[in-house]
PDB file of N, CA and C in Angstrom:
ATOM      1  N   MET A   1      26.368  22.612 -11.923  1.00  0.00           N
ATOM      2  CA  MET A   1      26.454  21.815 -10.706  1.00  0.00           C
ATOM      3  C   MET A   1      27.575  20.793 -10.897  1.00  0.00           C
ATOM      4  N   SER A   2      28.357  20.581  -9.868  1.00  0.00           N
ATOM      5  CA  SER A   2      29.460  19.637  -9.974  1.00  0.00           C
ATOM      6  C   SER A   2      28.951  18.208  -9.871  1.00  0.00           C
ATOM      7  N   GLU A   3      29.779  17.272 -10.318  1.00  0.00           N
ATOM      8  CA  GLU A   3      29.424  15.851 -10.309  1.00  0.00           C
ATOM      9  C   GLU A   3      29.018  15.384  -8.914  1.00  0.00           C
ATOM     10  N   GLU A   4      29.741  15.822  -7.883  1.00  0.00           N
ATOM     11  CA  GLU A   4      29.423  15.367  -6.529  1.00  0.00           C
ATOM     12  C   GLU A   4      28.151  16.007  -5.981  1.00  0.00           C
ATOM     13  N   ASN A   5      27.688  17.096  -6.583  1.00  0.00           N
ATOM     14  CA  ASN A   5      26.445  17.740  -6.159  1.00  0.00           C
ATOM     15  C   ASN A   5      25.260  17.382  -7.042  1.00  0.00           C
ATOM     16  N   ALA A   6      25.487  16.584  -8.067  1.00  0.00           N
ATOM     17  CA  ALA A   6      24.403  16.198  -8.974  1.00  0.00           C
ATOM     18  C   ALA A   6      23.345  15.399  -8.219  1.00  0.00           C
ATOM     19  N   ILE A   7      22.101  15.525  -8.653  1.00  0.00           N
ATOM     20  CA  ILE A   7      20.995  14.771  -8.067  1.00  0.00           C
ATOM     21  C   ILE A   7      21.122  13.321  -8.518  1.00  0.00           C
ATOM     22  N   ARG A   8      21.217  12.417  -7.546  1.00  0.00           N
ATOM     23  CA  ARG A   8      21.414  10.989  -7.828  1.00  0.00           C
ATOM     24  C   ARG A   8      20.055  10.312  -8.010  1.00  0.00           C
ATOM     25  N   LEU A   9      19.868   9.687  -9.168  1.00  0.00           N
ATOM     26  CA  LEU A   9      18.576   9.139  -9.555  1.00  0.00           C
ATOM     27  C   LEU A   9      18.565   7.616  -9.599  1.00  0.00           C
ATOM     28  N   LEU A  10      17.430   7.050  -9.194  1.00  0.00           N
ATOM     29  CA  LEU A  10      17.118   5.640  -9.398  1.00  0.00           C
ATOM     30  C   LEU A  10      15.952   5.590 -10.373  1.00  0.00           C
ATOM     31  N   LEU A  11      16.113   4.891 -11.496  1.00  0.00           N
ATOM     32  CA  LEU A  11      15.053   4.746 -12.494  1.00  0.00           C
ATOM     33  C   LEU A  11      14.309   3.447 -12.230  1.00  0.00           C
ATOM     34  N   ALA A  12      13.017   3.528 -11.931  1.00  0.00           N
ATOM     35  CA  ALA A  12      12.213   2.347 -11.630  1.00  0.00           C
ATOM     36  C   ALA A  12      11.113   2.198 -12.677  1.00  0.00           C
ATOM     37  N   ASP A  13      11.324   1.274 -13.611  1.00  0.00           N
ATOM     38  CA  ASP A  13      10.370   1.024 -14.695  1.00  0.00           C
ATOM     39  C   ASP A  13      10.610  -0.387 -15.206  1.00  0.00           C
ATOM     40  N   ASP A  14       9.539  -1.098 -15.538  1.00  0.00           N
ATOM     41  CA  ASP A  14       9.698  -2.482 -15.984  1.00  0.00           C
ATOM     42  C   ASP A  14      10.133  -2.609 -17.439  1.00  0.00           C
ATOM     43  N   HIS A  15      10.135  -1.541 -18.185  1.00  0.00           N
ATOM     44  CA  HIS A  15      10.525  -1.587 -19.595  1.00  0.00           C
ATOM     45  C   HIS A  15      11.982  -1.148 -19.760  1.00  0.00           C
ATOM     46  N   PRO A  16      12.859  -2.058 -20.190  1.00  0.00           N
ATOM     47  CA  PRO A  16      14.271  -1.705 -20.366  1.00  0.00           C
ATOM     48  C   PRO A  16      14.480  -0.557 -21.352  1.00  0.00           C
ATOM     49  N   VAL A  17      13.648  -0.485 -22.387  1.00  0.00           N
ATOM     50  CA  VAL A  17      13.795   0.580 -23.381  1.00  0.00           C
ATOM     51  C   VAL A  17      13.483   1.939 -22.758  1.00  0.00           C
ATOM     52  N   VAL A  18      12.496   1.986 -21.890  1.00  0.00           N
ATOM     53  CA  VAL A  18      12.159   3.242 -21.205  1.00  0.00           C
ATOM     54  C   VAL A  18      13.314   3.660 -20.300  1.00  0.00           C
ATOM     55  N   ARG A  19      13.838   2.710 -19.530  1.00  0.00           N
ATOM     56  CA  ARG A  19      14.970   3.040 -18.653  1.00  0.00           C
ATOM     57  C   ARG A  19      16.167   3.524 -19.466  1.00  0.00           C
ATOM     58  N   ALA A  20      16.442   2.854 -20.585  1.00  0.00           N
ATOM     59  CA  ALA A  20      17.576   3.253 -21.433  1.00  0.00           C
ATOM     60  C   ALA A  20      17.358   4.643 -22.020  1.00  0.00           C
ATOM     61  N   GLY A  21      16.132   4.937 -22.445  1.00  0.00           N
ATOM     62  CA  GLY A  21      15.825   6.257 -22.997  1.00  0.00           C
ATOM     63  C   GLY A  21      15.953   7.355 -21.959  1.00  0.00           C
ATOM     64  N   LEU A  22      15.426   7.095 -20.767  1.00  0.00           N
ATOM     65  CA  LEU A  22      15.553   8.075 -19.681  1.00  0.00           C
ATOM     66  C   LEU A  22      17.020   8.305 -19.330  1.00  0.00           C
ATOM     67  N   ARG A  23      17.770   7.225 -19.249  1.00  0.00           N
ATOM     68  CA  ARG A  23      19.197   7.340 -18.932  1.00  0.00           C
ATOM     69  C   ARG A  23      19.913   8.169 -19.997  1.00  0.00           C
ATOM     70  N   ALA A  24      19.608   7.907 -21.268  1.00  0.00           N
ATOM     71  CA  ALA A  24      20.266   8.635 -22.361  1.00  0.00           C
ATOM     72  C   ALA A  24      19.991  10.134 -22.269  1.00  0.00           C
ATOM     73  N   VAL A  25      18.754  10.494 -21.975  1.00  0.00           N
ATOM     74  CA  VAL A  25      18.398  11.912 -21.860  1.00  0.00           C
ATOM     75  C   VAL A  25      19.023  12.529 -20.610  1.00  0.00           C
ATOM     76  N   LEU A  26      18.896  11.852 -19.488  1.00  0.00           N
ATOM     77  CA  LEU A  26      19.384  12.409 -18.222  1.00  0.00           C
ATOM     78  C   LEU A  26      20.907  12.469 -18.160  1.00  0.00           C
ATOM     79  N   ASP A  27      21.582  11.561 -18.856  1.00  0.00           N
ATOM     80  CA  ASP A  27      23.047  11.585 -18.872  1.00  0.00           C
ATOM     81  C   ASP A  27      23.606  12.819 -19.574  1.00  0.00           C
ATOM     82  N   THR A  28      22.773  13.518 -20.334  1.00  0.00           N
ATOM     83  CA  THR A  28      23.230  14.745 -21.005  1.00  0.00           C
ATOM     84  C   THR A  28      23.101  15.968 -20.102  1.00  0.00           C
ATOM     85  N   GLU A  29      22.469  15.794 -18.960  1.00  0.00           N
ATOM     86  CA  GLU A  29      22.234  16.897 -18.025  1.00  0.00           C
ATOM     87  C   GLU A  29      23.228  16.835 -16.870  1.00  0.00           C
ATOM     88  N   PRO A  30      24.042  17.859 -16.695  1.00  0.00           N
ATOM     89  CA  PRO A  30      25.055  17.814 -15.633  1.00  0.00           C
ATOM     90  C   PRO A  30      24.479  17.838 -14.215  1.00  0.00           C
ATOM     91  N   ASP A  31      23.237  18.261 -14.061  1.00  0.00           N
ATOM     92  CA  ASP A  31      22.630  18.337 -12.731  1.00  0.00           C
ATOM     93  C   ASP A  31      22.079  17.001 -12.251  1.00  0.00           C
ATOM     94  N   PHE A  32      22.059  15.998 -13.127  1.00  0.00           N
ATOM     95  CA  PHE A  32      21.509  14.686 -12.781  1.00  0.00           C
ATOM     96  C   PHE A  32      22.549  13.606 -13.029  1.00  0.00           C
ATOM     97  N   ARG A  33      22.485  12.569 -12.190  1.00  0.00           N
ATOM     98  CA  ARG A  33      23.352  11.415 -12.396  1.00  0.00           C
ATOM     99  C   ARG A  33      22.529  10.165 -12.104  1.00  0.00           C
ATOM    100  N   VAL A  34      22.304   9.346 -13.126  1.00  0.00           N
ATOM    101  CA  VAL A  34      21.589   8.085 -12.943  1.00  0.00           C
ATOM    102  C   VAL A  34      22.577   7.104 -12.318  1.00  0.00           C
ATOM    103  N   VAL A  35      22.269   6.672 -11.107  1.00  0.00           N
ATOM    104  CA  VAL A  35      23.181   5.776 -10.400  1.00  0.00           C
ATOM    105  C   VAL A  35      22.589   4.393 -10.163  1.00  0.00           C
ATOM    106  N   GLY A  36      21.349   4.171 -10.627  1.00  0.00           N
ATOM    107  CA  GLY A  36      20.764   2.851 -10.475  1.00  0.00           C
ATOM    108  C   GLY A  36      19.475   2.704 -11.245  1.00  0.00           C
ATOM    109  N   GLU A  37      19.118   1.435 -11.481  1.00  0.00           N
ATOM    110  CA  GLU A  37      17.878   1.098 -12.169  1.00  0.00           C
ATOM    111  C   GLU A  37      17.203  -0.049 -11.431  1.00  0.00           C
ATOM    112  N   ALA A  38      15.878  -0.105 -11.553  1.00  0.00           N
ATOM    113  CA  ALA A  38      15.098  -1.194 -10.971  1.00  0.00           C
ATOM    114  C   ALA A  38      14.015  -1.591 -11.963  1.00  0.00           C
ATOM    115  N   ALA A  39      13.850  -2.896 -12.187  1.00  0.00           N
ATOM    116  CA  ALA A  39      12.867  -3.405 -13.140  1.00  0.00           C
ATOM    117  C   ALA A  39      11.548  -3.784 -12.477  1.00  0.00           C
ATOM    118  N   THR A  40      11.528  -3.816 -11.146  1.00  0.00           N
ATOM    119  CA  THR A  40      10.297  -4.119 -10.412  1.00  0.00           C
ATOM    120  C   THR A  40      10.145  -3.120  -9.272  1.00  0.00           C
ATOM    121  N   ALA A  41       8.922  -3.013  -8.782  1.00  0.00           N
ATOM    122  CA  ALA A  41       8.677  -2.124  -7.644  1.00  0.00           C
ATOM    123  C   ALA A  41       9.402  -2.634  -6.405  1.00  0.00           C
ATOM    124  N   GLU A  42       9.421  -3.951  -6.236  1.00  0.00           N
ATOM    125  CA  GLU A  42      10.112  -4.536  -5.091  1.00  0.00           C
ATOM    126  C   GLU A  42      11.610  -4.220  -5.133  1.00  0.00           C
ATOM    127  N   GLU A  43      12.186  -4.310  -6.326  1.00  0.00           N
ATOM    128  CA  GLU A  43      13.604  -3.984  -6.482  1.00  0.00           C
ATOM    129  C   GLU A  43      13.855  -2.504  -6.182  1.00  0.00           C
ATOM    130  N   ALA A  44      12.930  -1.650  -6.596  1.00  0.00           N
ATOM    131  CA  ALA A  44      13.068  -0.215  -6.320  1.00  0.00           C
ATOM    132  C   ALA A  44      13.078   0.052  -4.818  1.00  0.00           C
ATOM    133  N   VAL A  45      12.203  -0.608  -4.085  1.00  0.00           N
ATOM    134  CA  VAL A  45      12.155  -0.434  -2.628  1.00  0.00           C
ATOM    135  C   VAL A  45      13.471  -0.891  -2.002  1.00  0.00           C
ATOM    136  N   ALA A  46      13.959  -2.045  -2.426  1.00  0.00           N
ATOM    137  CA  ALA A  46      15.209  -2.574  -1.873  1.00  0.00           C
ATOM    138  C   ALA A  46      16.393  -1.668  -2.206  1.00  0.00           C
ATOM    139  N   ARG A  47      16.475  -1.210  -3.439  1.00  0.00           N
ATOM    140  CA  ARG A  47      17.592  -0.351  -3.844  1.00  0.00           C
ATOM    141  C   ARG A  47      17.531   0.985  -3.107  1.00  0.00           C
ATOM    142  N   ALA A  48      16.321   1.545  -2.978  1.00  0.00           N
ATOM    143  CA  ALA A  48      16.175   2.819  -2.268  1.00  0.00           C
ATOM    144  C   ALA A  48      16.570   2.667  -0.802  1.00  0.00           C
ATOM    145  N   ALA A  49      16.209   1.544  -0.196  1.00  0.00           N
ATOM    146  CA  ALA A  49      16.544   1.304   1.212  1.00  0.00           C
ATOM    147  C   ALA A  49      18.050   1.179   1.421  1.00  0.00           C
ATOM    148  N   ALA A  50      18.748   0.708   0.400  1.00  0.00           N
ATOM    149  CA  ALA A  50      20.204   0.560   0.499  1.00  0.00           C
ATOM    150  C   ALA A  50      20.909   1.915   0.483  1.00  0.00           C
ATOM    151  N   GLY A  51      20.215   2.940   0.011  1.00  0.00           N
ATOM    152  CA  GLY A  51      20.759   4.295   0.027  1.00  0.00           C
ATOM    153  C   GLY A  51      21.515   4.660  -1.233  1.00  0.00           C
ATOM    154  N   GLY A  52      21.926   5.916  -1.271  1.00  0.00           N
ATOM    155  CA  GLY A  52      22.704   6.408  -2.397  1.00  0.00           C
ATOM    156  C   GLY A  52      21.911   7.142  -3.455  1.00  0.00           C
ATOM    157  N   PHE A  53      20.621   7.386  -3.199  1.00  0.00           N
ATOM    158  CA  PHE A  53      19.760   8.058  -4.174  1.00  0.00           C
ATOM    159  C   PHE A  53      19.103   9.277  -3.532  1.00  0.00           C
ATOM    160  N   ASP A  54      18.935  10.318  -4.332  1.00  0.00           N
ATOM    161  CA  ASP A  54      18.201  11.499  -3.887  1.00  0.00           C
ATOM    162  C   ASP A  54      16.750  11.448  -4.346  1.00  0.00           C
ATOM    163  N   VAL A  55      16.539  10.896  -5.547  1.00  0.00           N
ATOM    164  CA  VAL A  55      15.208  10.853  -6.160  1.00  0.00           C
ATOM    165  C   VAL A  55      15.019   9.510  -6.858  1.00  0.00           C
ATOM    166  N   VAL A  56      13.813   8.956  -6.716  1.00  0.00           N
ATOM    167  CA  VAL A  56      13.415   7.768  -7.468  1.00  0.00           C
ATOM    168  C   VAL A  56      12.391   8.208  -8.502  1.00  0.00           C
ATOM    169  N   LEU A  57      12.660   7.937  -9.777  1.00  0.00           N
ATOM    170  CA  LEU A  57      11.662   8.138 -10.831  1.00  0.00           C
ATOM    171  C   LEU A  57      10.893   6.836 -10.931  1.00  0.00           C
ATOM    172  N   MET A  58       9.621   6.848 -10.508  1.00  0.00           N
ATOM    173  CA  MET A  58       8.832   5.640 -10.299  1.00  0.00           C
ATOM    174  C   MET A  58       7.680   5.517 -11.288  1.00  0.00           C
ATOM    175  N   ASP A  59       7.637   4.394 -12.002  1.00  0.00           N
ATOM    176  CA  ASP A  59       6.461   4.065 -12.804  1.00  0.00           C
ATOM    177  C   ASP A  59       5.397   3.516 -11.850  1.00  0.00           C
ATOM    178  N   LEU A  60       4.163   3.408 -12.316  1.00  0.00           N
ATOM    179  CA  LEU A  60       3.115   2.862 -11.462  1.00  0.00           C
ATOM    180  C   LEU A  60       2.849   1.385 -11.709  1.00  0.00           C
ATOM    181  N   GLN A  61       2.846   0.964 -12.957  1.00  0.00           N
ATOM    182  CA  GLN A  61       2.536  -0.423 -13.304  1.00  0.00           C
ATOM    183  C   GLN A  61       3.814  -1.158 -13.677  1.00  0.00           C
ATOM    184  N   PHE A  62       4.020  -2.309 -13.052  1.00  0.00           N
ATOM    185  CA  PHE A  62       5.204  -3.117 -13.315  1.00  0.00           C
ATOM    186  C   PHE A  62       4.787  -4.488 -13.823  1.00  0.00           C
ATOM    187  N   GLY A  63       4.683  -4.608 -15.148  1.00  0.00           N
ATOM    188  CA  GLY A  63       4.437  -5.897 -15.784  1.00  0.00           C
ATOM    189  C   GLY A  63       3.153  -6.575 -15.364  1.00  0.00           C
ATOM    190  N   PRO A  64       2.833  -7.643 -16.069  1.00  0.00           N
ATOM    191  CA  PRO A  64       1.623  -8.413 -15.746  1.00  0.00           C
ATOM    192  C   PRO A  64       1.859  -9.289 -14.516  1.00  0.00           C
ATOM    193  N   GLY A  65       0.775  -9.722 -13.940  1.00  0.00           N
ATOM    194  CA  GLY A  65       0.875 -10.649 -12.820  1.00  0.00           C
ATOM    195  C   GLY A  65       0.962  -9.951 -11.481  1.00  0.00           C
ATOM    196  N   PRO A  66       1.088 -10.773 -10.441  1.00  0.00           N
ATOM    197  CA  PRO A  66       1.147 -10.207  -9.097  1.00  0.00           C
ATOM    198  C   PRO A  66       2.452  -9.452  -8.884  1.00  0.00           C
ATOM    199  N   GLY A  67       2.392  -8.547  -8.004  1.00  0.00           N
ATOM    200  CA  GLY A  67       3.583  -7.753  -7.698  1.00  0.00           C
ATOM    201  C   GLY A  67       3.160  -6.431  -7.115  1.00  0.00           C
ATOM    202  N   MET A  68       4.104  -5.766  -6.551  1.00  0.00           N
ATOM    203  CA  MET A  68       3.853  -4.488  -5.908  1.00  0.00           C
ATOM    204  C   MET A  68       3.542  -3.418  -6.953  1.00  0.00           C
ATOM    205  N   HIS A  69       2.580  -2.581  -6.655  1.00  0.00           N
ATOM    206  CA  HIS A  69       2.212  -1.439  -7.498  1.00  0.00           C
ATOM    207  C   HIS A  69       3.166  -0.291  -7.174  1.00  0.00           C
ATOM    208  N   GLY A  70       3.354   0.601  -8.118  1.00  0.00           N
ATOM    209  CA  GLY A  70       4.240   1.738  -7.909  1.00  0.00           C
ATOM    210  C   GLY A  70       3.844   2.609  -6.731  1.00  0.00           C
ATOM    211  N   SER A  71       2.543   2.746  -6.478  1.00  0.00           N
ATOM    212  CA  SER A  71       2.098   3.534  -5.319  1.00  0.00           C
ATOM    213  C   SER A  71       2.472   2.851  -4.009  1.00  0.00           C
ATOM    214  N   GLU A  72       2.397   1.532  -3.980  1.00  0.00           N
ATOM    215  CA  GLU A  72       2.819   0.798  -2.779  1.00  0.00           C
ATOM    216  C   GLU A  72       4.320   0.968  -2.550  1.00  0.00           C
ATOM    217  N   ALA A  73       5.085   0.894  -3.626  1.00  0.00           N
ATOM    218  CA  ALA A  73       6.532   1.094  -3.517  1.00  0.00           C
ATOM    219  C   ALA A  73       6.840   2.516  -3.058  1.00  0.00           C
ATOM    220  N   THR A  74       6.095   3.473  -3.577  1.00  0.00           N
ATOM    221  CA  THR A  74       6.276   4.869  -3.175  1.00  0.00           C
ATOM    222  C   THR A  74       6.044   5.024  -1.676  1.00  0.00           C
ATOM    223  N   ALA A  75       4.979   4.417  -1.176  1.00  0.00           N
ATOM    224  CA  ALA A  75       4.685   4.496   0.261  1.00  0.00           C
ATOM    225  C   ALA A  75       5.807   3.877   1.086  1.00  0.00           C
ATOM    226  N   ALA A  76       6.324   2.741   0.639  1.00  0.00           N
ATOM    227  CA  ALA A  76       7.405   2.076   1.375  1.00  0.00           C
ATOM    228  C   ALA A  76       8.675   2.926   1.374  1.00  0.00           C
ATOM    229  N   ILE A  77       8.983   3.539   0.246  1.00  0.00           N
ATOM    230  CA  ILE A  77      10.204   4.348   0.130  1.00  0.00           C
ATOM    231  C   ILE A  77      10.093   5.629   0.941  1.00  0.00           C
ATOM    232  N   THR A  78       8.950   6.295   0.851  1.00  0.00           N
ATOM    233  CA  THR A  78       8.800   7.582   1.542  1.00  0.00           C
ATOM    234  C   THR A  78       8.565   7.418   3.042  1.00  0.00           C
ATOM    235  N   ALA A  79       8.271   6.211   3.496  1.00  0.00           N
ATOM    236  CA  ALA A  79       8.084   5.967   4.928  1.00  0.00           C
ATOM    237  C   ALA A  79       9.410   5.957   5.681  1.00  0.00           C
ATOM    238  N   VAL A  80      10.505   5.825   4.961  1.00  0.00           N
ATOM    239  CA  VAL A  80      11.829   5.772   5.585  1.00  0.00           C
ATOM    240  C   VAL A  80      12.328   7.194   5.830  1.00  0.00           C
ATOM    241  N   PRO A  81      12.626   7.531   7.081  1.00  0.00           N
ATOM    242  CA  PRO A  81      13.161   8.874   7.352  1.00  0.00           C
ATOM    243  C   PRO A  81      14.453   9.104   6.565  1.00  0.00           C
ATOM    244  N   GLU A  82      14.591  10.293   6.018  1.00  0.00           N
ATOM    245  CA  GLU A  82      15.774  10.668   5.239  1.00  0.00           C
ATOM    246  C   GLU A  82      15.925   9.859   3.954  1.00  0.00           C
ATOM    247  N   GLY A  83      14.858   9.179   3.540  1.00  0.00           N
ATOM    248  CA  GLY A  83      14.906   8.422   2.290  1.00  0.00           C
ATOM    249  C   GLY A  83      14.785   9.348   1.092  1.00  0.00           C
ATOM    250  N   PRO A  84      14.933   8.795  -0.104  1.00  0.00           N
ATOM    251  CA  PRO A  84      14.833   9.633  -1.299  1.00  0.00           C
ATOM    252  C   PRO A  84      13.404  10.097  -1.543  1.00  0.00           C
ATOM    253  N   ARG A  85      13.284  11.155  -2.283  1.00  0.00           N
ATOM    254  CA  ARG A  85      11.965  11.596  -2.737  1.00  0.00           C
ATOM    255  C   ARG A  85      11.561  10.721  -3.915  1.00  0.00           C
ATOM    256  N   VAL A  86      10.264  10.621  -4.142  1.00  0.00           N
ATOM    257  CA  VAL A  86       9.758   9.834  -5.263  1.00  0.00           C
ATOM    258  C   VAL A  86       8.993  10.753  -6.198  1.00  0.00           C
ATOM    259  N   LEU A  87       9.350  10.686  -7.450  1.00  0.00           N
ATOM    260  CA  LEU A  87       8.664  11.411  -8.511  1.00  0.00           C
ATOM    261  C   LEU A  87       8.070  10.363  -9.439  1.00  0.00           C
ATOM    262  N   VAL A  88       6.751  10.328  -9.537  1.00  0.00           N
ATOM    263  CA  VAL A  88       6.084   9.350 -10.396  1.00  0.00           C
ATOM    264  C   VAL A  88       6.191   9.811 -11.843  1.00  0.00           C
ATOM    265  N   LEU A  89       6.587   8.886 -12.704  1.00  0.00           N
ATOM    266  CA  LEU A  89       6.708   9.132 -14.139  1.00  0.00           C
ATOM    267  C   LEU A  89       6.018   7.971 -14.830  1.00  0.00           C
ATOM    268  N   THR A  90       4.825   8.228 -15.371  1.00  0.00           N
ATOM    269  CA  THR A  90       3.976   7.143 -15.842  1.00  0.00           C
ATOM    270  C   THR A  90       3.111   7.584 -17.011  1.00  0.00           C
ATOM    271  N   THR A  91       2.376   6.644 -17.588  1.00  0.00           N
ATOM    272  CA  THR A  91       1.399   6.969 -18.634  1.00  0.00           C
ATOM    273  C   THR A  91      -0.018   7.019 -18.068  1.00  0.00           C
ATOM    274  N   TYR A  92      -0.178   6.640 -16.812  1.00  0.00           N
ATOM    275  CA  TYR A  92      -1.506   6.561 -16.201  1.00  0.00           C
ATOM    276  C   TYR A  92      -1.906   7.917 -15.637  1.00  0.00           C
ATOM    277  N   ASP A  93      -3.041   8.428 -16.132  1.00  0.00           N
ATOM    278  CA  ASP A  93      -3.444   9.777 -15.740  1.00  0.00           C
ATOM    279  C   ASP A  93      -4.822   9.858 -15.098  1.00  0.00           C
ATOM    280  N   SER A  94      -5.314   8.746 -14.568  1.00  0.00           N
ATOM    281  CA  SER A  94      -6.624   8.799 -13.917  1.00  0.00           C
ATOM    282  C   SER A  94      -6.502   9.506 -12.569  1.00  0.00           C
ATOM    283  N   ASP A  95      -7.599  10.103 -12.148  1.00  0.00           N
ATOM    284  CA  ASP A  95      -7.618  10.770 -10.847  1.00  0.00           C
ATOM    285  C   ASP A  95      -7.245   9.797  -9.732  1.00  0.00           C
ATOM    286  N   ALA A  96      -7.712   8.546  -9.845  1.00  0.00           N
ATOM    287  CA  ALA A  96      -7.433   7.546  -8.814  1.00  0.00           C
ATOM    288  C   ALA A  96      -5.935   7.251  -8.724  1.00  0.00           C
ATOM    289  N   ASP A  97      -5.264   7.137  -9.867  1.00  0.00           N
ATOM    290  CA  ASP A  97      -3.820   6.874  -9.865  1.00  0.00           C
ATOM    291  C   ASP A  97      -3.050   8.043  -9.272  1.00  0.00           C
ATOM    292  N   ILE A  98      -3.418   9.248  -9.672  1.00  0.00           N
ATOM    293  CA  ILE A  98      -2.734  10.444  -9.171  1.00  0.00           C
ATOM    294  C   ILE A  98      -2.933  10.569  -7.663  1.00  0.00           C
ATOM    295  N   LEU A  99      -4.168  10.409  -7.204  1.00  0.00           N
ATOM    296  CA  LEU A  99      -4.466  10.511  -5.777  1.00  0.00           C
ATOM    297  C   LEU A  99      -3.706   9.455  -4.976  1.00  0.00           C
ATOM    298  N   ALA A 100      -3.693   8.216  -5.479  1.00  0.00           N
ATOM    299  CA  ALA A 100      -2.985   7.140  -4.770  1.00  0.00           C
ATOM    300  C   ALA A 100      -1.496   7.447  -4.648  1.00  0.00           C
ATOM    301  N   ALA A 101      -0.906   7.972  -5.705  1.00  0.00           N
ATOM    302  CA  ALA A 101       0.526   8.286  -5.676  1.00  0.00           C
ATOM    303  C   ALA A 101       0.828   9.419  -4.704  1.00  0.00           C
ATOM    304  N   VAL A 102       0.018  10.450  -4.740  1.00  0.00           N
ATOM    305  CA  VAL A 102       0.234  11.590  -3.845  1.00  0.00           C
ATOM    306  C   VAL A 102       0.009  11.174  -2.391  1.00  0.00           C
ATOM    307  N   GLU A 103      -1.036  10.402  -2.144  1.00  0.00           N
ATOM    308  CA  GLU A 103      -1.295   9.925  -0.783  1.00  0.00           C
ATOM    309  C   GLU A 103      -0.176   9.013  -0.287  1.00  0.00           C
ATOM    310  N   ALA A 104       0.493   8.324  -1.213  1.00  0.00           N
ATOM    311  CA  ALA A 104       1.604   7.440  -0.851  1.00  0.00           C
ATOM    312  C   ALA A 104       2.877   8.217  -0.543  1.00  0.00           C
ATOM    313  N   GLY A 105       2.876   9.508  -0.865  1.00  0.00           N
ATOM    314  CA  GLY A 105       4.033  10.333  -0.539  1.00  0.00           C
ATOM    315  C   GLY A 105       4.833  10.835  -1.719  1.00  0.00           C
ATOM    316  N   ALA A 106       4.340  10.631  -2.937  1.00  0.00           N
ATOM    317  CA  ALA A 106       5.063  11.126  -4.116  1.00  0.00           C
ATOM    318  C   ALA A 106       5.198  12.641  -4.050  1.00  0.00           C
ATOM    319  N   SER A 107       6.369  13.127  -4.410  1.00  0.00           N
ATOM    320  CA  SER A 107       6.619  14.572  -4.426  1.00  0.00           C
ATOM    321  C   SER A 107       6.087  15.225  -5.685  1.00  0.00           C
ATOM    322  N   GLY A 108       5.838  14.423  -6.712  1.00  0.00           N
ATOM    323  CA  GLY A 108       5.331  14.949  -7.970  1.00  0.00           C
ATOM    324  C   GLY A 108       4.827  13.829  -8.850  1.00  0.00           C
ATOM    325  N   TYR A 109       4.125  14.201  -9.913  1.00  0.00           N
ATOM    326  CA  TYR A 109       3.496  13.233 -10.806  1.00  0.00           C
ATOM    327  C   TYR A 109       3.616  13.768 -12.225  1.00  0.00           C
ATOM    328  N   LEU A 110       4.384  13.088 -13.050  1.00  0.00           N
ATOM    329  CA  LEU A 110       4.589  13.500 -14.439  1.00  0.00           C
ATOM    330  C   LEU A 110       4.136  12.405 -15.382  1.00  0.00           C
ATOM    331  N   LEU A 111       3.620  12.829 -16.531  1.00  0.00           N
ATOM    332  CA  LEU A 111       3.221  11.871 -17.559  1.00  0.00           C
ATOM    333  C   LEU A 111       4.351  11.699 -18.560  1.00  0.00           C
ATOM    334  N   LYS A 112       4.578  10.465 -18.972  1.00  0.00           N
ATOM    335  CA  LYS A 112       5.662  10.176 -19.907  1.00  0.00           C
ATOM    336  C   LYS A 112       5.481  10.875 -21.244  1.00  0.00           C
ATOM    337  N   ASP A 113       4.242  11.125 -21.623  1.00  0.00           N
ATOM    338  CA  ASP A 113       4.003  11.749 -22.929  1.00  0.00           C
ATOM    339  C   ASP A 113       3.860  13.270 -22.845  1.00  0.00           C
ATOM    340  N   ALA A 114       4.203  13.854 -21.697  1.00  0.00           N
ATOM    341  CA  ALA A 114       4.152  15.318 -21.569  1.00  0.00           C
ATOM    342  C   ALA A 114       5.269  15.931 -22.404  1.00  0.00           C
ATOM    343  N   PRO A 115       4.991  17.056 -23.043  1.00  0.00           N
ATOM    344  CA  PRO A 115       6.052  17.696 -23.834  1.00  0.00           C
ATOM    345  C   PRO A 115       7.186  18.184 -22.925  1.00  0.00           C
ATOM    346  N   PRO A 116       8.407  18.241 -23.462  1.00  0.00           N
ATOM    347  CA  PRO A 116       9.554  18.665 -22.635  1.00  0.00           C
ATOM    348  C   PRO A 116       9.435  20.096 -22.153  1.00  0.00           C
TER     349      PRO A 116
END
């Protein structure tokens, strides 16, 4: 796939090391291009609304304290017509988390510790 046809990704995770690791792996794949990062769910919603992304890789939990949950951000992003798809990438595997993400409009749900 050519650079201009690569899938443009937004990485949404509160851990800088996770974002850096994902970027390092995805940068080796010609079909993907990481074009943005977000450290909070609110930032992910704002960046997605600004455009330029095909897919958002979304964590569910963003740090301690008050703030938007990844499922809420997913709902906000997927509510926009022609917006990017959201793929949840998280460590949370409860039925409630999976159901909330899918009901919010996530196109898929992957666990961070799943084998490649």
